Amino acid sequence: MKKKLIFLDGDGTLWYPSSTKRSQKPHWIYHDPETKDNTLEHMELAPNVKESLLRLKEKGMTLVLISASPYPAEVANKELREKLEFFGLLDLFHLYRSSPGDRPEGKGELMLEILESLHLTKDGALMVGDSYFYDYLAAKSVGVDAFFIENESAKMPEEIPNDLKVIKEVNDLLNILE
């Protein structure tokens, strides 16, 4: 599989709450009275993420973080940068952007906008995320290939598509991508 750009989701994909990992939707951490004021202290990177992203970048991949957020883009993008800095990932990403959290199709629209701005084609891109609707389906609906990070907390369609591409962790991409 030859790709030039990899879109990656943040919460639940690259990092997650330390206490629940992927057993619950990661968004609880932003509302819980004990964690909402210092969320980063209660989060951790998924296994081998930093090393995997570094290897992908060394292979010539352009990495782009896209994350849905309920906040205005300016606030959401500032939070994304803070997370990337906290986890020591900022230098690995070409850019990071947020999409409206109330619109699952928003990430797909954002992918197309970013691809156009970078003069890249859809077939050279890949989306990786832990949400079937916000990540996987959003990408597929605009013609971008995608992998779904297997997890027990994701809302899924009643009938799982036969062509659903599933991985367990981001580092699985190292064995899939050329």
N, C-alpha and C. Protein backbone atom coordinates (compact mmCIF):
# COMPACT_ATOMS: atom_id res chain seq x y z
N MET A 1 0.86 -1.18 0.00
CA MET A 1 0.00 0.00 0.00
C MET A 1 0.90 1.23 0.00
N LYS A 2 0.82 2.01 -1.07
CA LYS A 2 1.65 3.19 -1.23
C LYS A 2 0.86 4.44 -0.85
N LYS A 3 1.30 5.15 0.17
CA LYS A 3 0.64 6.37 0.62
C LYS A 3 1.69 7.45 0.84
N LYS A 4 1.25 8.70 0.67
CA LYS A 4 2.13 9.85 0.88
C LYS A 4 1.75 10.63 2.12
N LEU A 5 0.48 10.58 2.47
CA LEU A 5 -0.03 11.36 3.60
C LEU A 5 -0.88 10.47 4.49
N ILE A 6 -0.66 10.59 5.79
CA ILE A 6 -1.48 9.85 6.74
C ILE A 6 -2.17 10.84 7.66
N PHE A 7 -3.50 10.82 7.63
CA PHE A 7 -4.29 11.58 8.58
C PHE A 7 -4.45 10.72 9.82
N LEU A 8 -4.23 11.30 10.98
CA LEU A 8 -4.38 10.56 12.23
C LEU A 8 -5.29 11.33 13.18
N ASP A 9 -6.17 10.60 13.83
CA ASP A 9 -7.01 11.16 14.88
C ASP A 9 -6.15 11.25 16.14
N GLY A 10 -6.57 12.10 17.09
CA GLY A 10 -5.83 12.24 18.34
C GLY A 10 -6.39 11.37 19.46
N ASP A 11 -7.47 11.84 20.11
CA ASP A 11 -8.05 11.13 21.25
C ASP A 11 -8.51 9.73 20.86
N GLY A 12 -8.01 8.74 21.58
CA GLY A 12 -8.40 7.37 21.34
C GLY A 12 -7.53 6.67 20.30
N THR A 13 -6.79 7.44 19.52
CA THR A 13 -5.93 6.87 18.49
C THR A 13 -4.46 7.01 18.87
N LEU A 14 -4.00 8.25 19.02
CA LEU A 14 -2.61 8.49 19.40
C LEU A 14 -2.42 8.49 20.91
N TRP A 15 -3.41 8.98 21.62
CA TRP A 15 -3.36 9.05 23.08
C TRP A 15 -4.75 8.78 23.64
N TYR A 16 -4.78 8.45 24.93
CA TYR A 16 -6.06 8.17 25.58
C TYR A 16 -5.92 8.30 27.10
N PRO A 17 -7.05 8.31 27.82
CA PRO A 17 -6.97 8.39 29.27
C PRO A 17 -6.22 7.17 29.83
N SER A 18 -5.29 7.41 30.72
CA SER A 18 -4.47 6.33 31.30
C SER A 18 -5.31 5.27 32.00
N SER A 19 -6.38 5.69 32.66
CA SER A 19 -7.15 4.74 33.47
C SER A 19 -8.08 3.86 32.65
N THR A 20 -8.53 4.34 31.48
CA THR A 20 -9.49 3.55 30.71
C THR A 20 -9.00 3.13 29.33
N LYS A 21 -7.90 3.71 28.88
CA LYS A 21 -7.35 3.43 27.55
C LYS A 21 -8.47 3.45 26.50
N ARG A 22 -8.73 2.35 25.81
CA ARG A 22 -9.79 2.34 24.80
C ARG A 22 -11.04 1.59 25.27
N SER A 23 -11.18 1.37 26.56
CA SER A 23 -12.36 0.64 27.05
C SER A 23 -13.58 1.56 27.18
N GLN A 24 -13.35 2.87 27.18
CA GLN A 24 -14.43 3.86 27.18
C GLN A 24 -14.08 4.93 26.17
N LYS A 25 -15.09 5.64 25.67
CA LYS A 25 -14.81 6.76 24.77
C LYS A 25 -13.93 7.75 25.54
N PRO A 26 -12.88 8.26 24.92
CA PRO A 26 -11.92 9.09 25.65
C PRO A 26 -12.45 10.45 26.11
N HIS A 27 -13.58 10.86 25.59
CA HIS A 27 -14.06 12.21 25.87
C HIS A 27 -14.50 12.43 27.32
N TRP A 28 -14.69 11.35 28.07
CA TRP A 28 -15.10 11.49 29.47
C TRP A 28 -14.11 12.32 30.26
N ILE A 29 -12.84 12.26 29.86
CA ILE A 29 -11.78 12.92 30.61
C ILE A 29 -11.95 14.45 30.64
N TYR A 30 -12.64 14.99 29.64
CA TYR A 30 -12.82 16.44 29.55
C TYR A 30 -13.99 16.94 30.40
N HIS A 31 -14.79 16.02 30.93
CA HIS A 31 -15.98 16.39 31.70
C HIS A 31 -15.92 15.95 33.15
N ASP A 32 -15.10 14.98 33.45
CA ASP A 32 -15.00 14.44 34.80
C ASP A 32 -14.41 15.52 35.73
N PRO A 33 -15.05 15.78 36.87
CA PRO A 33 -14.56 16.81 37.79
C PRO A 33 -13.12 16.60 38.26
N GLU A 34 -12.68 15.35 38.32
CA GLU A 34 -11.33 15.07 38.79
C GLU A 34 -10.26 15.22 37.72
N THR A 35 -10.64 15.24 36.45
CA THR A 35 -9.64 15.28 35.38
C THR A 35 -9.77 16.48 34.44
N LYS A 36 -10.93 17.13 34.43
CA LYS A 36 -11.19 18.15 33.40
C LYS A 36 -10.26 19.36 33.44
N ASP A 37 -9.70 19.66 34.61
CA ASP A 37 -8.83 20.83 34.71
C ASP A 37 -7.36 20.53 34.43
N ASN A 38 -7.01 19.25 34.35
CA ASN A 38 -5.63 18.86 34.07
C ASN A 38 -5.60 17.55 33.27
N THR A 39 -6.30 17.56 32.15
CA THR A 39 -6.48 16.34 31.36
C THR A 39 -5.17 15.69 30.92
N LEU A 40 -4.18 16.49 30.56
CA LEU A 40 -2.93 15.93 30.05
C LEU A 40 -2.23 15.06 31.08
N GLU A 41 -2.39 15.39 32.34
CA GLU A 41 -1.76 14.60 33.40
C GLU A 41 -2.42 13.22 33.54
N HIS A 42 -3.59 13.05 32.95
CA HIS A 42 -4.33 11.79 33.05
C HIS A 42 -4.38 11.04 31.72
N MET A 43 -3.49 11.45 30.78
CA MET A 43 -3.48 10.81 29.47
C MET A 43 -2.11 10.21 29.20
N GLU A 44 -2.08 9.24 28.28
CA GLU A 44 -0.83 8.62 27.87
C GLU A 44 -0.89 8.29 26.38
N LEU A 45 0.29 8.17 25.80
CA LEU A 45 0.37 7.77 24.39
C LEU A 45 0.00 6.30 24.27
N ALA A 46 -0.63 5.95 23.17
CA ALA A 46 -0.90 4.55 22.86
C ALA A 46 0.46 3.86 22.64
N PRO A 47 0.52 2.55 22.75
CA PRO A 47 1.80 1.83 22.63
C PRO A 47 2.56 2.13 21.33
N ASN A 48 3.83 2.44 21.48
CA ASN A 48 4.76 2.63 20.36
C ASN A 48 4.39 3.74 19.38
N VAL A 49 3.54 4.67 19.79
CA VAL A 49 3.09 5.72 18.87
C VAL A 49 4.24 6.60 18.41
N LYS A 50 5.02 7.13 19.33
CA LYS A 50 6.07 8.07 18.94
C LYS A 50 7.08 7.41 18.00
N GLU A 51 7.51 6.21 18.33
CA GLU A 51 8.47 5.50 17.50
C GLU A 51 7.87 5.20 16.12
N SER A 52 6.61 4.83 16.09
CA SER A 52 5.95 4.50 14.83
C SER A 52 5.81 5.73 13.94
N LEU A 53 5.41 6.84 14.52
CA LEU A 53 5.27 8.08 13.75
C LEU A 53 6.62 8.53 13.20
N LEU A 54 7.65 8.39 14.01
CA LEU A 54 9.00 8.74 13.57
C LEU A 54 9.42 7.88 12.38
N ARG A 55 9.17 6.59 12.44
CA ARG A 55 9.52 5.69 11.33
C ARG A 55 8.71 6.02 10.07
N LEU A 56 7.42 6.33 10.25
CA LEU A 56 6.59 6.70 9.09
C LEU A 56 7.12 7.98 8.45
N LYS A 57 7.48 8.94 9.27
CA LYS A 57 8.02 10.20 8.75
C LYS A 57 9.36 9.94 8.03
N GLU A 58 10.19 9.07 8.61
CA GLU A 58 11.47 8.73 7.97
C GLU A 58 11.26 8.05 6.62
N LYS A 59 10.12 7.35 6.46
CA LYS A 59 9.79 6.70 5.19
C LYS A 59 9.24 7.71 4.18
N GLY A 60 9.14 8.98 4.57
CA GLY A 60 8.68 10.02 3.66
C GLY A 60 7.20 10.35 3.75
N MET A 61 6.53 9.82 4.75
CA MET A 61 5.09 10.09 4.92
C MET A 61 4.89 11.49 5.51
N THR A 62 3.89 12.17 5.01
CA THR A 62 3.45 13.42 5.60
C THR A 62 2.37 13.08 6.62
N LEU A 63 2.55 13.51 7.85
CA LEU A 63 1.61 13.20 8.92
C LEU A 63 0.78 14.43 9.25
N VAL A 64 -0.54 14.23 9.33
CA VAL A 64 -1.47 15.32 9.63
C VAL A 64 -2.42 14.85 10.72
N LEU A 65 -2.50 15.62 11.79
CA LEU A 65 -3.43 15.32 12.87
C LEU A 65 -4.74 16.05 12.59
N ILE A 66 -5.84 15.30 12.58
CA ILE A 66 -7.15 15.94 12.48
C ILE A 66 -8.04 15.36 13.58
N SER A 67 -8.69 16.26 14.29
CA SER A 67 -9.48 15.84 15.44
C SER A 67 -10.77 16.64 15.50
N ALA A 68 -11.84 15.96 15.80
CA ALA A 68 -13.13 16.64 15.96
C ALA A 68 -13.17 17.29 17.34
N SER A 69 -13.78 18.48 17.41
CA SER A 69 -13.84 19.20 18.67
C SER A 69 -15.13 20.00 18.75
N PRO A 70 -15.68 20.13 19.96
CA PRO A 70 -16.88 20.96 20.12
C PRO A 70 -16.55 22.45 20.19
N TYR A 71 -15.26 22.79 20.22
CA TYR A 71 -14.85 24.18 20.38
C TYR A 71 -14.59 24.85 19.03
N PRO A 72 -14.61 26.18 19.00
CA PRO A 72 -14.25 26.90 17.76
C PRO A 72 -12.84 26.50 17.33
N ALA A 73 -12.59 26.55 16.03
CA ALA A 73 -11.33 26.08 15.45
C ALA A 73 -10.10 26.67 16.14
N GLU A 74 -10.12 27.96 16.43
CA GLU A 74 -8.96 28.60 17.05
C GLU A 74 -8.63 27.97 18.41
N VAL A 75 -9.64 27.73 19.23
CA VAL A 75 -9.45 27.11 20.55
C VAL A 75 -9.05 25.64 20.39
N ALA A 76 -9.74 24.93 19.51
CA ALA A 76 -9.46 23.50 19.31
C ALA A 76 -8.06 23.28 18.77
N ASN A 77 -7.62 24.11 17.83
CA ASN A 77 -6.28 23.95 17.27
C ASN A 77 -5.20 24.26 18.31
N LYS A 78 -5.48 25.22 19.19
CA LYS A 78 -4.54 25.52 20.28
C LYS A 78 -4.42 24.31 21.21
N GLU A 79 -5.53 23.65 21.51
CA GLU A 79 -5.50 22.46 22.36
C GLU A 79 -4.74 21.32 21.68
N LEU A 80 -4.92 21.17 20.38
CA LEU A 80 -4.19 20.13 19.65
C LEU A 80 -2.68 20.37 19.75
N ARG A 81 -2.29 21.62 19.57
CA ARG A 81 -0.86 21.94 19.66
C ARG A 81 -0.34 21.63 21.06
N GLU A 82 -1.10 21.97 22.09
CA GLU A 82 -0.67 21.69 23.47
C GLU A 82 -0.47 20.19 23.68
N LYS A 83 -1.38 19.38 23.14
CA LYS A 83 -1.25 17.93 23.28
C LYS A 83 -0.01 17.43 22.54
N LEU A 84 0.18 17.90 21.32
CA LEU A 84 1.35 17.48 20.54
C LEU A 84 2.65 17.87 21.25
N GLU A 85 2.69 19.07 21.83
CA GLU A 85 3.87 19.50 22.57
C GLU A 85 4.07 18.65 23.82
N PHE A 86 3.00 18.42 24.57
CA PHE A 86 3.06 17.63 25.80
C PHE A 86 3.63 16.24 25.54
N PHE A 87 3.19 15.61 24.46
CA PHE A 87 3.64 14.25 24.15
C PHE A 87 4.92 14.21 23.30
N GLY A 88 5.47 15.38 22.97
CA GLY A 88 6.70 15.42 22.19
C GLY A 88 6.53 14.99 20.75
N LEU A 89 5.36 15.28 20.18
CA LEU A 89 5.05 14.85 18.81
C LEU A 89 4.98 15.99 17.80
N LEU A 90 5.06 17.22 18.26
CA LEU A 90 4.82 18.37 17.38
C LEU A 90 5.69 18.35 16.13
N ASP A 91 6.95 18.05 16.27
CA ASP A 91 7.87 18.07 15.12
C ASP A 91 7.59 16.97 14.10
N LEU A 92 6.80 15.97 14.48
CA LEU A 92 6.52 14.87 13.56
C LEU A 92 5.36 15.18 12.61
N PHE A 93 4.57 16.19 12.94
CA PHE A 93 3.38 16.51 12.15
C PHE A 93 3.60 17.71 11.23
N HIS A 94 3.17 17.54 10.00
CA HIS A 94 3.22 18.63 9.03
C HIS A 94 2.24 19.73 9.42
N LEU A 95 1.07 19.31 9.86
CA LEU A 95 0.07 20.25 10.36
C LEU A 95 -0.96 19.52 11.20
N TYR A 96 -1.77 20.30 11.90
CA TYR A 96 -2.83 19.76 12.75
C TYR A 96 -4.04 20.69 12.62
N ARG A 97 -5.20 20.08 12.54
CA ARG A 97 -6.43 20.87 12.36
C ARG A 97 -7.58 20.18 13.06
N SER A 98 -8.59 20.96 13.41
CA SER A 98 -9.79 20.41 14.05
C SER A 98 -10.98 20.57 13.12
N SER A 99 -11.95 19.70 13.30
CA SER A 99 -13.21 19.79 12.56
C SER A 99 -14.33 19.91 13.59
N PRO A 100 -15.50 20.39 13.17
CA PRO A 100 -16.62 20.52 14.11
C PRO A 100 -17.02 19.17 14.71
N GLY A 101 -17.13 19.13 16.02
CA GLY A 101 -17.44 17.89 16.71
C GLY A 101 -18.87 17.42 16.55
N ASP A 102 -19.74 18.26 16.02
CA ASP A 102 -21.14 17.87 15.86
C ASP A 102 -21.44 17.36 14.44
N ARG A 103 -20.40 17.23 13.61
CA ARG A 103 -20.59 16.81 12.23
C ARG A 103 -19.59 15.72 11.85
N PRO A 104 -20.02 14.45 11.86
CA PRO A 104 -19.10 13.37 11.51
C PRO A 104 -18.46 13.55 10.12
N GLU A 105 -19.19 14.13 9.20
CA GLU A 105 -18.65 14.31 7.84
C GLU A 105 -17.61 15.43 7.78
N GLY A 106 -17.47 16.20 8.87
CA GLY A 106 -16.53 17.32 8.89
C GLY A 106 -15.09 16.91 8.66
N LYS A 107 -14.69 15.76 9.17
CA LYS A 107 -13.31 15.32 8.96
C LYS A 107 -13.06 15.00 7.49
N GLY A 108 -14.04 14.43 6.82
CA GLY A 108 -13.88 14.13 5.40
C GLY A 108 -13.69 15.41 4.59
N GLU A 109 -14.49 16.41 4.89
CA GLU A 109 -14.37 17.70 4.21
C GLU A 109 -13.00 18.32 4.47
N LEU A 110 -12.54 18.21 5.72
CA LEU A 110 -11.24 18.75 6.10
C LEU A 110 -10.11 18.01 5.37
N MET A 111 -10.25 16.69 5.23
CA MET A 111 -9.25 15.91 4.49
C MET A 111 -9.12 16.42 3.05
N LEU A 112 -10.25 16.62 2.39
CA LEU A 112 -10.22 17.10 1.00
C LEU A 112 -9.58 18.48 0.91
N GLU A 113 -9.90 19.34 1.85
CA GLU A 113 -9.33 20.69 1.87
C GLU A 113 -7.81 20.63 2.03
N ILE A 114 -7.34 19.79 2.95
CA ILE A 114 -5.90 19.66 3.20
C ILE A 114 -5.20 19.04 1.99
N LEU A 115 -5.78 18.00 1.42
CA LEU A 115 -5.19 17.38 0.22
C LEU A 115 -5.04 18.39 -0.90
N GLU A 116 -6.08 19.19 -1.11
CA GLU A 116 -6.02 20.21 -2.17
C GLU A 116 -4.92 21.22 -1.88
N SER A 117 -4.82 21.67 -0.63
CA SER A 117 -3.81 22.67 -0.27
C SER A 117 -2.38 22.13 -0.43
N LEU A 118 -2.21 20.82 -0.27
CA LEU A 118 -0.89 20.20 -0.41
C LEU A 118 -0.66 19.63 -1.81
N HIS A 119 -1.65 19.80 -2.69
CA HIS A 119 -1.57 19.30 -4.07
C HIS A 119 -1.33 17.79 -4.11
N LEU A 120 -2.07 17.08 -3.25
CA LEU A 120 -2.00 15.62 -3.20
C LEU A 120 -3.35 15.04 -3.60
N THR A 121 -3.33 13.78 -4.01
CA THR A 121 -4.56 13.12 -4.42
C THR A 121 -5.11 12.23 -3.30
N LYS A 122 -6.39 11.93 -3.40
CA LYS A 122 -7.05 11.09 -2.40
C LYS A 122 -6.43 9.71 -2.32
N ASP A 123 -6.03 9.16 -3.47
CA ASP A 123 -5.49 7.80 -3.45
C ASP A 123 -4.12 7.72 -2.78
N GLY A 124 -3.48 8.85 -2.56
CA GLY A 124 -2.21 8.87 -1.85
C GLY A 124 -2.34 9.12 -0.36
N ALA A 125 -3.59 9.15 0.12
CA ALA A 125 -3.85 9.46 1.53
C ALA A 125 -4.50 8.30 2.26
N LEU A 126 -4.36 8.33 3.57
CA LEU A 126 -4.92 7.31 4.44
C LEU A 126 -5.35 7.98 5.74
N MET A 127 -6.51 7.58 6.27
CA MET A 127 -6.99 8.05 7.57
C MET A 127 -6.92 6.91 8.56
N VAL A 128 -6.47 7.20 9.79
CA VAL A 128 -6.42 6.21 10.86
C VAL A 128 -7.09 6.81 12.08
N GLY A 129 -8.10 6.10 12.60
CA GLY A 129 -8.79 6.61 13.78
C GLY A 129 -9.59 5.55 14.49
N ASP A 130 -10.04 5.90 15.70
CA ASP A 130 -10.76 4.95 16.55
C ASP A 130 -12.27 5.12 16.50
N SER A 131 -12.77 6.06 15.71
CA SER A 131 -14.21 6.25 15.58
C SER A 131 -14.66 5.79 14.19
N TYR A 132 -15.61 4.85 14.18
CA TYR A 132 -16.09 4.36 12.89
C TYR A 132 -16.71 5.50 12.09
N PHE A 133 -17.57 6.31 12.69
CA PHE A 133 -18.29 7.34 11.95
C PHE A 133 -17.46 8.59 11.69
N TYR A 134 -16.74 9.08 12.70
CA TYR A 134 -15.99 10.33 12.56
C TYR A 134 -14.67 10.16 11.81
N ASP A 135 -14.09 8.98 11.86
CA ASP A 135 -12.79 8.76 11.22
C ASP A 135 -12.91 7.88 9.98
N TYR A 136 -13.26 6.62 10.19
CA TYR A 136 -13.28 5.65 9.11
C TYR A 136 -14.30 6.03 8.02
N LEU A 137 -15.55 6.17 8.40
CA LEU A 137 -16.59 6.46 7.42
C LEU A 137 -16.44 7.85 6.80
N ALA A 138 -16.00 8.80 7.60
CA ALA A 138 -15.77 10.16 7.07
C ALA A 138 -14.76 10.12 5.93
N ALA A 139 -13.70 9.35 6.11
CA ALA A 139 -12.68 9.23 5.06
C ALA A 139 -13.22 8.48 3.86
N LYS A 140 -13.82 7.32 4.10
CA LYS A 140 -14.33 6.50 3.00
C LYS A 140 -15.37 7.25 2.16
N SER A 141 -16.18 8.06 2.81
CA SER A 141 -17.25 8.77 2.10
C SER A 141 -16.73 9.83 1.13
N VAL A 142 -15.47 10.27 1.32
CA VAL A 142 -14.89 11.23 0.38
C VAL A 142 -13.80 10.60 -0.48
N GLY A 143 -13.70 9.26 -0.44
CA GLY A 143 -12.76 8.57 -1.31
C GLY A 143 -11.35 8.41 -0.77
N VAL A 144 -11.17 8.59 0.54
CA VAL A 144 -9.86 8.41 1.16
C VAL A 144 -9.85 7.05 1.85
N ASP A 145 -8.79 6.28 1.64
CA ASP A 145 -8.65 4.98 2.28
C ASP A 145 -8.54 5.17 3.79
N ALA A 146 -8.93 4.15 4.57
CA ALA A 146 -8.93 4.31 6.02
C ALA A 146 -8.71 2.98 6.74
N PHE A 147 -8.18 3.11 7.94
CA PHE A 147 -8.08 1.99 8.88
C PHE A 147 -8.77 2.40 10.17
N PHE A 148 -9.49 1.46 10.73
CA PHE A 148 -10.20 1.66 12.00
C PHE A 148 -9.38 1.00 13.10
N ILE A 149 -9.10 1.76 14.16
CA ILE A 149 -8.41 1.20 15.32
C ILE A 149 -9.43 0.46 16.16
N GLU A 150 -9.25 -0.82 16.26
CA GLU A 150 -10.18 -1.68 16.98
C GLU A 150 -10.29 -1.25 18.44
N ASN A 151 -11.53 -1.08 18.91
CA ASN A 151 -11.76 -0.73 20.31
C ASN A 151 -13.18 -1.06 20.68
N GLU A 152 -13.39 -1.32 21.96
CA GLU A 152 -14.70 -1.77 22.43
C GLU A 152 -15.69 -0.65 22.70
N SER A 153 -15.24 0.59 22.66
CA SER A 153 -16.15 1.69 23.00
C SER A 153 -16.75 2.41 21.79
N ALA A 154 -16.28 2.09 20.60
CA ALA A 154 -16.77 2.79 19.40
C ALA A 154 -18.19 2.39 19.05
N LYS A 155 -18.97 3.40 18.71
CA LYS A 155 -20.31 3.15 18.17
C LYS A 155 -20.12 2.60 16.76
N MET A 156 -20.82 1.52 16.46
CA MET A 156 -20.65 0.86 15.17
C MET A 156 -22.00 0.75 14.47
N PRO A 157 -21.99 0.60 13.13
CA PRO A 157 -23.24 0.39 12.42
C PRO A 157 -23.82 -0.98 12.77
N GLU A 158 -25.12 -1.13 12.57
CA GLU A 158 -25.75 -2.42 12.88
C GLU A 158 -25.13 -3.55 12.06
N GLU A 159 -24.83 -3.26 10.82
CA GLU A 159 -24.19 -4.27 9.96
C GLU A 159 -22.78 -3.79 9.62
N ILE A 160 -21.79 -4.55 10.06
CA ILE A 160 -20.40 -4.19 9.83
C ILE A 160 -20.05 -4.48 8.37
N PRO A 161 -19.49 -3.50 7.65
CA PRO A 161 -19.12 -3.72 6.25
C PRO A 161 -18.05 -4.80 6.11
N ASN A 162 -18.17 -5.60 5.06
CA ASN A 162 -17.20 -6.66 4.81
C ASN A 162 -15.80 -6.13 4.52
N ASP A 163 -15.72 -4.91 4.00
CA ASP A 163 -14.41 -4.36 3.63
C ASP A 163 -13.80 -3.48 4.72
N LEU A 164 -14.32 -3.53 5.94
CA LEU A 164 -13.77 -2.75 7.05
C LEU A 164 -12.32 -3.16 7.30
N LYS A 165 -11.42 -2.19 7.23
CA LYS A 165 -9.99 -2.43 7.48
C LYS A 165 -9.70 -2.07 8.93
N VAL A 166 -9.22 -3.05 9.68
CA VAL A 166 -9.02 -2.88 11.12
C VAL A 166 -7.56 -3.13 11.49
N ILE A 167 -7.06 -2.27 12.38
CA ILE A 167 -5.75 -2.50 12.99
C ILE A 167 -5.91 -2.35 14.50
N LYS A 168 -4.96 -2.85 15.25
CA LYS A 168 -5.03 -2.74 16.71
C LYS A 168 -4.35 -1.48 17.22
N GLU A 169 -3.24 -1.10 16.60
CA GLU A 169 -2.47 0.07 17.02
C GLU A 169 -1.87 0.76 15.80
N VAL A 170 -1.45 2.00 15.98
CA VAL A 170 -0.82 2.78 14.91
C VAL A 170 0.42 2.06 14.37
N ASN A 171 1.17 1.39 15.24
CA ASN A 171 2.40 0.73 14.77
C ASN A 171 2.12 -0.41 13.79
N ASP A 172 0.88 -0.89 13.70
CA ASP A 172 0.53 -1.89 12.70
C ASP A 172 0.72 -1.34 11.28
N LEU A 173 0.67 -0.04 11.14
CA LEU A 173 0.85 0.58 9.82
C LEU A 173 2.24 0.29 9.25
N LEU A 174 3.22 0.11 10.12
CA LEU A 174 4.59 -0.12 9.65
C LEU A 174 4.69 -1.39 8.82
N ASN A 175 3.85 -2.36 9.09
CA ASN A 175 3.86 -3.61 8.32
C ASN A 175 2.96 -3.55 7.09
N ILE A 176 2.14 -2.52 7.00
CA ILE A 176 1.17 -2.40 5.91
C ILE A 176 1.65 -1.44 4.82
N LEU A 177 2.24 -0.33 5.23
CA LEU A 177 2.65 0.69 4.27
C LEU A 177 4.05 0.42 3.75
N GLU A 178 4.24 0.72 2.48
CA GLU A 178 5.56 0.51 1.85
C GLU A 178 6.49 1.63 2.22
